[in-house]
Amino acid sequence: MDRIPICREGYEKITAELEDLKSQRPGIIQAIKEAREEGDLSENAGYHAARERQGMLEARITYINSHMPLFDMIELDNLSGEFATFGATVVVEDMDTEETRKFLLLGPDDADHKNGSISVLSPMGRAIMGKEVGDEVVVDAPRGKIDYEIMSVEFLGSKGCNIK
């Protein structure tokens, strides 16, 4: 697998999440132990719930651990340019509705569309990578193809990480 771009803030967040997940292990193990002591496991809802929580926890820990060596941490404060790339804050305008959208391009493990960032691997991210102001792109969205125009490309550094 190729390297995975991630900003310092995203790396710190995922590292903290990993530590938090690992700290939850003893509590889940204890819950499983206590549920086992209740007897018949076939109808023990507490046991099955604790095992499911354990499975989800371990899956997330495994996912993060497998990606950590692939992360390519990129300092947002060191980026600049005219083209939409990782770390760029981009404003696009829907050419039909004239509605504008603003977002920060990040890697798949630190992008959070609720906070104004999208992955460079998302349909929108892929469509605008390498484009500059004035370029037109077509994005395949669930509602169909949408035509956008790139209105601005800025590199705001780490202060741009919390756009909304």
N, C-alpha and C. Protein backbone atom coordinates (compact mmCIF):
# COMPACT_ATOMS: atom_id res chain seq x y z
N MET A 1 0.84 -1.18 0.00
CA MET A 1 0.00 0.00 0.00
C MET A 1 0.88 1.24 0.00
N ASP A 2 0.40 2.30 -0.65
CA ASP A 2 1.12 3.56 -0.72
C ASP A 2 1.09 4.28 0.62
N ARG A 3 1.86 5.34 0.69
CA ARG A 3 1.86 6.20 1.87
C ARG A 3 0.50 6.89 1.99
N ILE A 4 0.10 7.21 3.22
CA ILE A 4 -1.18 7.86 3.47
C ILE A 4 -0.89 9.25 4.04
N PRO A 5 -1.30 10.31 3.32
CA PRO A 5 -1.04 11.66 3.84
C PRO A 5 -1.90 11.94 5.07
N ILE A 6 -1.31 12.63 6.03
CA ILE A 6 -2.03 13.02 7.24
C ILE A 6 -1.37 14.28 7.79
N CYS A 7 -2.18 15.20 8.31
CA CYS A 7 -1.59 16.41 8.90
C CYS A 7 -1.21 16.11 10.35
N ARG A 8 -0.37 16.96 10.91
CA ARG A 8 0.10 16.75 12.29
C ARG A 8 -1.08 16.65 13.25
N GLU A 9 -2.06 17.53 13.10
CA GLU A 9 -3.22 17.52 13.99
C GLU A 9 -3.98 16.20 13.88
N GLY A 10 -4.14 15.70 12.66
CA GLY A 10 -4.81 14.42 12.45
C GLY A 10 -4.03 13.26 13.05
N TYR A 11 -2.70 13.32 12.90
CA TYR A 11 -1.85 12.27 13.46
C TYR A 11 -1.95 12.26 14.98
N GLU A 12 -1.91 13.44 15.58
CA GLU A 12 -2.02 13.53 17.04
C GLU A 12 -3.39 13.02 17.52
N LYS A 13 -4.43 13.34 16.77
CA LYS A 13 -5.78 12.90 17.13
C LYS A 13 -5.90 11.37 17.06
N ILE A 14 -5.38 10.78 16.00
CA ILE A 14 -5.50 9.32 15.85
C ILE A 14 -4.60 8.59 16.84
N THR A 15 -3.46 9.19 17.20
CA THR A 15 -2.59 8.60 18.22
C THR A 15 -3.29 8.62 19.58
N ALA A 16 -3.97 9.73 19.89
CA ALA A 16 -4.71 9.82 21.15
C ALA A 16 -5.87 8.83 21.17
N GLU A 17 -6.53 8.67 20.03
CA GLU A 17 -7.62 7.69 19.94
C GLU A 17 -7.10 6.28 20.20
N LEU A 18 -5.95 5.94 19.64
CA LEU A 18 -5.36 4.62 19.85
C LEU A 18 -5.08 4.38 21.32
N GLU A 19 -4.49 5.36 21.98
CA GLU A 19 -4.20 5.21 23.42
C GLU A 19 -5.48 5.05 24.23
N ASP A 20 -6.52 5.81 23.87
CA ASP A 20 -7.81 5.70 24.56
C ASP A 20 -8.42 4.31 24.36
N LEU A 21 -8.36 3.82 23.14
CA LEU A 21 -8.91 2.49 22.86
C LEU A 21 -8.18 1.41 23.66
N LYS A 22 -6.86 1.52 23.72
CA LYS A 22 -6.08 0.54 24.47
C LYS A 22 -6.42 0.60 25.96
N SER A 23 -6.71 1.81 26.46
CA SER A 23 -7.05 1.94 27.88
C SER A 23 -8.41 1.34 28.21
N GLN A 24 -9.25 1.14 27.20
CA GLN A 24 -10.58 0.56 27.41
C GLN A 24 -10.54 -0.97 27.50
N ARG A 25 -9.47 -1.57 27.05
CA ARG A 25 -9.37 -3.03 27.05
C ARG A 25 -9.64 -3.67 28.41
N PRO A 26 -8.98 -3.23 29.49
CA PRO A 26 -9.20 -3.89 30.78
C PRO A 26 -10.67 -3.87 31.23
N GLY A 27 -11.36 -2.77 31.00
CA GLY A 27 -12.75 -2.66 31.39
C GLY A 27 -13.64 -3.64 30.64
N ILE A 28 -13.36 -3.81 29.37
CA ILE A 28 -14.16 -4.75 28.56
C ILE A 28 -13.85 -6.18 28.98
N ILE A 29 -12.59 -6.48 29.23
CA ILE A 29 -12.21 -7.82 29.69
C ILE A 29 -12.91 -8.13 31.02
N GLN A 30 -12.95 -7.13 31.90
CA GLN A 30 -13.63 -7.33 33.19
C GLN A 30 -15.13 -7.54 32.98
N ALA A 31 -15.75 -6.81 32.08
CA ALA A 31 -17.18 -6.98 31.80
C ALA A 31 -17.46 -8.38 31.25
N ILE A 32 -16.59 -8.88 30.40
CA ILE A 32 -16.75 -10.23 29.85
C ILE A 32 -16.62 -11.25 30.97
N LYS A 33 -15.64 -11.07 31.83
CA LYS A 33 -15.43 -11.98 32.95
C LYS A 33 -16.65 -12.03 33.87
N GLU A 34 -17.17 -10.85 34.20
CA GLU A 34 -18.34 -10.80 35.08
C GLU A 34 -19.56 -11.43 34.42
N ALA A 35 -19.74 -11.20 33.14
CA ALA A 35 -20.88 -11.79 32.42
C ALA A 35 -20.75 -13.30 32.35
N ARG A 36 -19.53 -13.82 32.18
CA ARG A 36 -19.31 -15.27 32.16
C ARG A 36 -19.72 -15.91 33.48
N GLU A 37 -19.46 -15.20 34.57
CA GLU A 37 -19.76 -15.73 35.90
C GLU A 37 -21.26 -15.83 36.17
N GLU A 38 -22.06 -15.19 35.33
CA GLU A 38 -23.51 -15.25 35.49
C GLU A 38 -24.10 -16.58 35.02
N GLY A 39 -23.31 -17.38 34.35
CA GLY A 39 -23.79 -18.70 33.94
C GLY A 39 -23.96 -18.82 32.44
N ASP A 40 -25.08 -19.42 32.03
CA ASP A 40 -25.39 -19.78 30.65
C ASP A 40 -25.07 -18.63 29.68
N LEU A 41 -24.06 -18.84 28.83
CA LEU A 41 -23.63 -17.81 27.90
C LEU A 41 -24.54 -17.69 26.67
N SER A 42 -25.30 -18.74 26.37
CA SER A 42 -26.12 -18.71 25.16
C SER A 42 -27.22 -17.66 25.24
N GLU A 43 -27.69 -17.34 26.43
CA GLU A 43 -28.75 -16.34 26.57
C GLU A 43 -28.31 -15.17 27.43
N ASN A 44 -27.02 -14.93 27.51
CA ASN A 44 -26.47 -13.88 28.36
C ASN A 44 -26.20 -12.64 27.50
N ALA A 45 -27.16 -11.70 27.52
CA ALA A 45 -27.07 -10.51 26.68
C ALA A 45 -25.86 -9.65 27.06
N GLY A 46 -25.56 -9.57 28.35
CA GLY A 46 -24.41 -8.78 28.80
C GLY A 46 -23.11 -9.31 28.24
N TYR A 47 -22.99 -10.63 28.22
CA TYR A 47 -21.79 -11.27 27.69
C TYR A 47 -21.65 -10.97 26.19
N HIS A 48 -22.74 -11.15 25.46
CA HIS A 48 -22.69 -10.94 24.00
C HIS A 48 -22.41 -9.48 23.67
N ALA A 49 -22.99 -8.56 24.45
CA ALA A 49 -22.74 -7.13 24.22
C ALA A 49 -21.27 -6.80 24.48
N ALA A 50 -20.72 -7.33 25.58
CA ALA A 50 -19.32 -7.07 25.91
C ALA A 50 -18.39 -7.66 24.85
N ARG A 51 -18.71 -8.83 24.35
CA ARG A 51 -17.88 -9.45 23.31
C ARG A 51 -17.96 -8.65 22.01
N GLU A 52 -19.14 -8.12 21.71
CA GLU A 52 -19.28 -7.30 20.51
C GLU A 52 -18.46 -6.01 20.65
N ARG A 53 -18.54 -5.36 21.83
CA ARG A 53 -17.73 -4.16 22.08
C ARG A 53 -16.25 -4.48 21.95
N GLN A 54 -15.84 -5.64 22.47
CA GLN A 54 -14.45 -6.04 22.39
C GLN A 54 -14.03 -6.22 20.93
N GLY A 55 -14.87 -6.86 20.14
CA GLY A 55 -14.56 -7.06 18.73
C GLY A 55 -14.41 -5.75 17.97
N MET A 56 -15.32 -4.81 18.23
CA MET A 56 -15.25 -3.51 17.56
C MET A 56 -14.01 -2.74 18.00
N LEU A 57 -13.70 -2.79 19.28
CA LEU A 57 -12.52 -2.13 19.82
C LEU A 57 -11.25 -2.68 19.19
N GLU A 58 -11.14 -4.00 19.17
CA GLU A 58 -9.93 -4.63 18.61
C GLU A 58 -9.80 -4.38 17.12
N ALA A 59 -10.93 -4.33 16.42
CA ALA A 59 -10.88 -4.06 14.98
C ALA A 59 -10.34 -2.65 14.73
N ARG A 60 -10.79 -1.68 15.52
CA ARG A 60 -10.33 -0.30 15.35
C ARG A 60 -8.85 -0.18 15.71
N ILE A 61 -8.43 -0.86 16.79
CA ILE A 61 -7.02 -0.84 17.18
C ILE A 61 -6.17 -1.45 16.06
N THR A 62 -6.61 -2.55 15.51
CA THR A 62 -5.88 -3.21 14.42
C THR A 62 -5.79 -2.29 13.20
N TYR A 63 -6.90 -1.63 12.88
CA TYR A 63 -6.91 -0.71 11.73
C TYR A 63 -5.88 0.40 11.93
N ILE A 64 -5.93 1.04 13.09
CA ILE A 64 -5.01 2.15 13.35
C ILE A 64 -3.56 1.65 13.35
N ASN A 65 -3.30 0.54 14.03
CA ASN A 65 -1.93 0.00 14.07
C ASN A 65 -1.41 -0.34 12.68
N SER A 66 -2.28 -0.82 11.81
CA SER A 66 -1.84 -1.18 10.46
C SER A 66 -1.57 0.05 9.60
N HIS A 67 -2.21 1.16 9.92
CA HIS A 67 -2.01 2.38 9.13
C HIS A 67 -0.88 3.27 9.65
N MET A 68 -0.56 3.17 10.93
CA MET A 68 0.47 4.05 11.51
C MET A 68 1.78 4.04 10.72
N PRO A 69 2.30 2.87 10.30
CA PRO A 69 3.56 2.89 9.56
C PRO A 69 3.44 3.51 8.16
N LEU A 70 2.21 3.64 7.66
CA LEU A 70 2.00 4.16 6.31
C LEU A 70 1.78 5.66 6.28
N PHE A 71 1.53 6.25 7.45
CA PHE A 71 1.25 7.68 7.50
C PHE A 71 2.46 8.50 7.05
N ASP A 72 2.19 9.48 6.22
CA ASP A 72 3.18 10.44 5.77
C ASP A 72 2.73 11.79 6.32
N MET A 73 3.28 12.15 7.50
CA MET A 73 2.83 13.37 8.16
C MET A 73 3.32 14.59 7.39
N ILE A 74 2.37 15.46 7.08
CA ILE A 74 2.66 16.66 6.30
C ILE A 74 2.29 17.87 7.15
N GLU A 75 3.24 18.77 7.27
CA GLU A 75 3.02 20.01 8.02
C GLU A 75 2.23 20.98 7.14
N LEU A 76 1.02 21.30 7.54
CA LEU A 76 0.18 22.20 6.75
C LEU A 76 0.78 23.59 6.63
N ASP A 77 1.54 24.01 7.65
CA ASP A 77 2.14 25.35 7.63
C ASP A 77 3.24 25.49 6.57
N ASN A 78 3.72 24.37 6.02
CA ASN A 78 4.79 24.40 5.03
C ASN A 78 4.27 24.35 3.59
N LEU A 79 2.96 24.33 3.41
CA LEU A 79 2.39 24.16 2.08
C LEU A 79 1.97 25.48 1.45
N SER A 80 2.08 25.55 0.14
CA SER A 80 1.63 26.72 -0.60
C SER A 80 1.48 26.31 -2.06
N GLY A 81 0.90 27.19 -2.84
CA GLY A 81 0.77 26.91 -4.26
C GLY A 81 -0.54 27.40 -4.82
N GLU A 82 -0.73 27.17 -6.09
CA GLU A 82 -1.93 27.61 -6.79
C GLU A 82 -2.86 26.45 -7.11
N PHE A 83 -2.39 25.22 -6.92
CA PHE A 83 -3.18 24.06 -7.30
C PHE A 83 -3.79 23.39 -6.07
N ALA A 84 -4.96 22.82 -6.25
CA ALA A 84 -5.64 22.11 -5.17
C ALA A 84 -4.90 20.80 -4.90
N THR A 85 -4.27 20.74 -3.72
CA THR A 85 -3.57 19.53 -3.30
C THR A 85 -3.85 19.34 -1.81
N PHE A 86 -3.26 18.31 -1.24
CA PHE A 86 -3.39 18.06 0.18
C PHE A 86 -3.07 19.34 0.95
N GLY A 87 -3.94 19.70 1.89
CA GLY A 87 -3.72 20.87 2.71
C GLY A 87 -4.32 22.16 2.17
N ALA A 88 -4.87 22.12 0.97
CA ALA A 88 -5.47 23.32 0.39
C ALA A 88 -6.90 23.50 0.89
N THR A 89 -7.27 24.75 1.14
CA THR A 89 -8.66 25.10 1.41
C THR A 89 -9.22 25.58 0.09
N VAL A 90 -10.27 24.90 -0.36
CA VAL A 90 -10.81 25.13 -1.70
C VAL A 90 -12.26 25.57 -1.61
N VAL A 91 -12.61 26.57 -2.42
CA VAL A 91 -14.01 26.98 -2.55
C VAL A 91 -14.44 26.62 -3.96
N VAL A 92 -15.55 25.90 -4.04
CA VAL A 92 -16.11 25.53 -5.34
C VAL A 92 -17.54 26.08 -5.43
N GLU A 93 -17.98 26.32 -6.66
CA GLU A 93 -19.35 26.78 -6.89
C GLU A 93 -20.06 25.80 -7.81
N ASP A 94 -21.24 25.36 -7.38
CA ASP A 94 -22.08 24.51 -8.20
C ASP A 94 -22.54 25.37 -9.38
N MET A 95 -22.23 24.95 -10.58
CA MET A 95 -22.50 25.78 -11.75
C MET A 95 -23.99 25.86 -12.07
N ASP A 96 -24.80 24.94 -11.55
CA ASP A 96 -26.25 25.00 -11.78
C ASP A 96 -26.96 25.84 -10.72
N THR A 97 -26.62 25.63 -9.45
CA THR A 97 -27.34 26.29 -8.36
C THR A 97 -26.62 27.54 -7.85
N GLU A 98 -25.37 27.75 -8.26
CA GLU A 98 -24.52 28.84 -7.80
C GLU A 98 -24.24 28.76 -6.29
N GLU A 99 -24.50 27.61 -5.69
CA GLU A 99 -24.18 27.39 -4.27
C GLU A 99 -22.68 27.14 -4.15
N THR A 100 -22.08 27.76 -3.13
CA THR A 100 -20.64 27.55 -2.92
C THR A 100 -20.41 26.63 -1.73
N ARG A 101 -19.31 25.90 -1.79
CA ARG A 101 -18.87 25.01 -0.71
C ARG A 101 -17.40 25.26 -0.48
N LYS A 102 -17.01 25.23 0.80
CA LYS A 102 -15.62 25.44 1.17
C LYS A 102 -15.16 24.25 2.00
N PHE A 103 -13.99 23.72 1.67
CA PHE A 103 -13.46 22.60 2.45
C PHE A 103 -11.95 22.53 2.35
N LEU A 104 -11.40 21.82 3.32
CA LEU A 104 -9.97 21.57 3.40
C LEU A 104 -9.70 20.17 2.90
N LEU A 105 -8.73 20.00 2.02
CA LEU A 105 -8.36 18.68 1.50
C LEU A 105 -7.36 18.01 2.45
N LEU A 106 -7.76 16.88 3.02
CA LEU A 106 -6.90 16.13 3.93
C LEU A 106 -6.86 14.66 3.51
N GLY A 107 -6.11 13.87 4.26
CA GLY A 107 -6.03 12.44 4.00
C GLY A 107 -7.27 11.72 4.51
N PRO A 108 -7.44 10.46 4.14
CA PRO A 108 -8.64 9.72 4.52
C PRO A 108 -8.77 9.48 6.02
N ASP A 109 -7.69 9.52 6.76
CA ASP A 109 -7.77 9.26 8.20
C ASP A 109 -7.89 10.51 9.05
N ASP A 110 -7.77 11.69 8.45
CA ASP A 110 -7.96 12.90 9.24
C ASP A 110 -9.04 13.82 8.68
N ALA A 111 -9.61 13.48 7.55
CA ALA A 111 -10.71 14.28 6.99
C ALA A 111 -11.97 14.07 7.83
N ASP A 112 -12.74 15.14 7.97
CA ASP A 112 -13.98 15.09 8.75
C ASP A 112 -14.96 16.07 8.11
N HIS A 113 -15.84 15.56 7.27
CA HIS A 113 -16.74 16.45 6.53
C HIS A 113 -17.63 17.30 7.44
N LYS A 114 -17.86 16.84 8.67
CA LYS A 114 -18.67 17.63 9.61
C LYS A 114 -17.94 18.90 10.04
N ASN A 115 -16.62 18.88 9.95
CA ASN A 115 -15.82 20.05 10.33
C ASN A 115 -15.21 20.76 9.13
N GLY A 116 -15.70 20.45 7.94
CA GLY A 116 -15.27 21.19 6.77
C GLY A 116 -14.09 20.64 6.01
N SER A 117 -13.72 19.40 6.27
CA SER A 117 -12.61 18.81 5.51
C SER A 117 -13.09 17.55 4.80
N ILE A 118 -12.48 17.27 3.67
CA ILE A 118 -12.80 16.06 2.91
C ILE A 118 -11.51 15.34 2.55
N SER A 119 -11.65 14.07 2.25
CA SER A 119 -10.50 13.27 1.87
C SER A 119 -10.09 13.54 0.42
N VAL A 120 -8.79 13.52 0.20
CA VAL A 120 -8.29 13.64 -1.16
C VAL A 120 -8.71 12.43 -2.00
N LEU A 121 -9.17 11.36 -1.34
CA LEU A 121 -9.61 10.17 -2.04
C LEU A 121 -11.12 10.12 -2.28
N SER A 122 -11.86 11.11 -1.74
CA SER A 122 -13.31 11.17 -1.95
C SER A 122 -13.58 11.55 -3.40
N PRO A 123 -14.81 11.33 -3.90
CA PRO A 123 -15.10 11.73 -5.28
C PRO A 123 -14.79 13.21 -5.55
N MET A 124 -15.16 14.10 -4.61
CA MET A 124 -14.87 15.52 -4.79
C MET A 124 -13.36 15.75 -4.72
N GLY A 125 -12.70 15.15 -3.76
CA GLY A 125 -11.26 15.31 -3.62
C GLY A 125 -10.51 14.87 -4.88
N ARG A 126 -10.88 13.72 -5.39
CA ARG A 126 -10.22 13.22 -6.61
C ARG A 126 -10.46 14.15 -7.80
N ALA A 127 -11.68 14.69 -7.88
CA ALA A 127 -12.02 15.54 -9.02
C ALA A 127 -11.23 16.84 -9.03
N ILE A 128 -10.98 17.42 -7.85
CA ILE A 128 -10.33 18.73 -7.82
C ILE A 128 -8.82 18.70 -7.61
N MET A 129 -8.27 17.53 -7.27
CA MET A 129 -6.81 17.46 -7.08
C MET A 129 -6.09 17.94 -8.33
N GLY A 130 -5.16 18.84 -8.13
CA GLY A 130 -4.35 19.35 -9.24
C GLY A 130 -5.01 20.46 -10.04
N LYS A 131 -6.21 20.84 -9.66
CA LYS A 131 -6.91 21.91 -10.40
C LYS A 131 -6.57 23.27 -9.79
N GLU A 132 -6.85 24.33 -10.55
CA GLU A 132 -6.60 25.69 -10.07
C GLU A 132 -7.83 26.55 -10.29
N VAL A 133 -7.77 27.78 -9.77
CA VAL A 133 -8.90 28.70 -9.88
C VAL A 133 -9.32 28.84 -11.34
N GLY A 134 -10.64 28.75 -11.55
CA GLY A 134 -11.20 28.86 -12.90
C GLY A 134 -11.44 27.53 -13.57
N ASP A 135 -10.81 26.47 -13.10
CA ASP A 135 -11.03 25.15 -13.70
C ASP A 135 -12.42 24.65 -13.36
N GLU A 136 -12.98 23.89 -14.28
CA GLU A 136 -14.28 23.26 -14.07
C GLU A 136 -14.07 21.77 -13.91
N VAL A 137 -14.84 21.19 -12.97
CA VAL A 137 -14.74 19.75 -12.71
C VAL A 137 -16.15 19.17 -12.64
N VAL A 138 -16.22 17.87 -12.92
CA VAL A 138 -17.48 17.14 -12.80
C VAL A 138 -17.30 16.10 -11.71
N VAL A 139 -18.22 16.09 -10.76
CA VAL A 139 -18.15 15.16 -9.65
C VAL A 139 -19.33 14.21 -9.73
N ASP A 140 -19.05 12.91 -9.64
CA ASP A 140 -20.12 11.91 -9.58
C ASP A 140 -20.60 11.83 -8.14
N ALA A 141 -21.79 12.35 -7.89
CA ALA A 141 -22.39 12.36 -6.56
C ALA A 141 -23.60 11.44 -6.55
N PRO A 142 -24.09 11.08 -5.36
CA PRO A 142 -25.27 10.22 -5.29
C PRO A 142 -26.47 10.77 -6.08
N ARG A 143 -26.58 12.10 -6.14
CA ARG A 143 -27.72 12.69 -6.88
C ARG A 143 -27.43 12.83 -8.37
N GLY A 144 -26.24 12.42 -8.81
CA GLY A 144 -25.87 12.49 -10.21
C GLY A 144 -24.61 13.31 -10.41
N LYS A 145 -24.31 13.64 -11.64
CA LYS A 145 -23.12 14.42 -11.95
C LYS A 145 -23.37 15.89 -11.62
N ILE A 146 -22.38 16.50 -10.95
CA ILE A 146 -22.49 17.90 -10.57
C ILE A 146 -21.28 18.64 -11.14
N ASP A 147 -21.56 19.74 -11.82
CA ASP A 147 -20.50 20.57 -12.39
C ASP A 147 -20.13 21.66 -11.39
N TYR A 148 -18.84 21.77 -11.11
CA TYR A 148 -18.33 22.79 -10.19
C TYR A 148 -17.27 23.61 -10.88
N GLU A 149 -17.12 24.83 -10.42
CA GLU A 149 -16.00 25.68 -10.83
C GLU A 149 -15.17 25.96 -9.58
N ILE A 150 -13.85 25.89 -9.72
CA ILE A 150 -12.95 26.21 -8.61
C ILE A 150 -12.90 27.73 -8.49
N MET A 151 -13.35 28.24 -7.33
CA MET A 151 -13.40 29.68 -7.10
C MET A 151 -12.14 30.19 -6.41
N SER A 152 -11.58 29.39 -5.48
CA SER A 152 -10.34 29.80 -4.82
C SER A 152 -9.61 28.58 -4.29
N VAL A 153 -8.31 28.73 -4.20
CA VAL A 153 -7.42 27.72 -3.61
C VAL A 153 -6.46 28.48 -2.70
N GLU A 154 -6.51 28.15 -1.41
CA GLU A 154 -5.64 28.82 -0.43
C GLU A 154 -4.99 27.77 0.46
N PHE A 155 -3.85 28.12 0.96
CA PHE A 155 -3.17 27.28 1.95
C PHE A 155 -3.12 28.08 3.25
N LEU A 156 -3.99 27.70 4.18
CA LEU A 156 -4.14 28.44 5.44
C LEU A 156 -3.29 27.86 6.56
N GLY A 157 -2.59 26.76 6.29
CA GLY A 157 -1.78 26.13 7.31
C GLY A 157 -2.65 25.47 8.38
N SER A 158 -2.07 25.27 9.55
CA SER A 158 -2.79 24.55 10.61
C SER A 158 -3.98 25.34 11.13
N LYS A 159 -4.00 26.65 10.96
CA LYS A 159 -5.17 27.44 11.39
C LYS A 159 -6.40 27.11 10.55
N GLY A 160 -6.21 26.53 9.38
CA GLY A 160 -7.33 26.18 8.51
C GLY A 160 -7.96 24.86 8.83
N CYS A 161 -7.41 24.14 9.81
CA CYS A 161 -7.91 22.80 10.14
C CYS A 161 -9.31 22.78 10.70
N ASN A 162 -9.80 23.87 11.24
CA ASN A 162 -11.12 23.86 11.87
C ASN A 162 -12.12 24.71 11.13
N ILE A 163 -12.12 24.67 9.81
CA ILE A 163 -13.08 25.46 9.05
C ILE A 163 -14.45 24.80 9.14
N LYS A 164 -15.47 25.60 9.05
CA LYS A 164 -16.86 25.08 9.08
C LYS A 164 -17.68 25.74 8.04
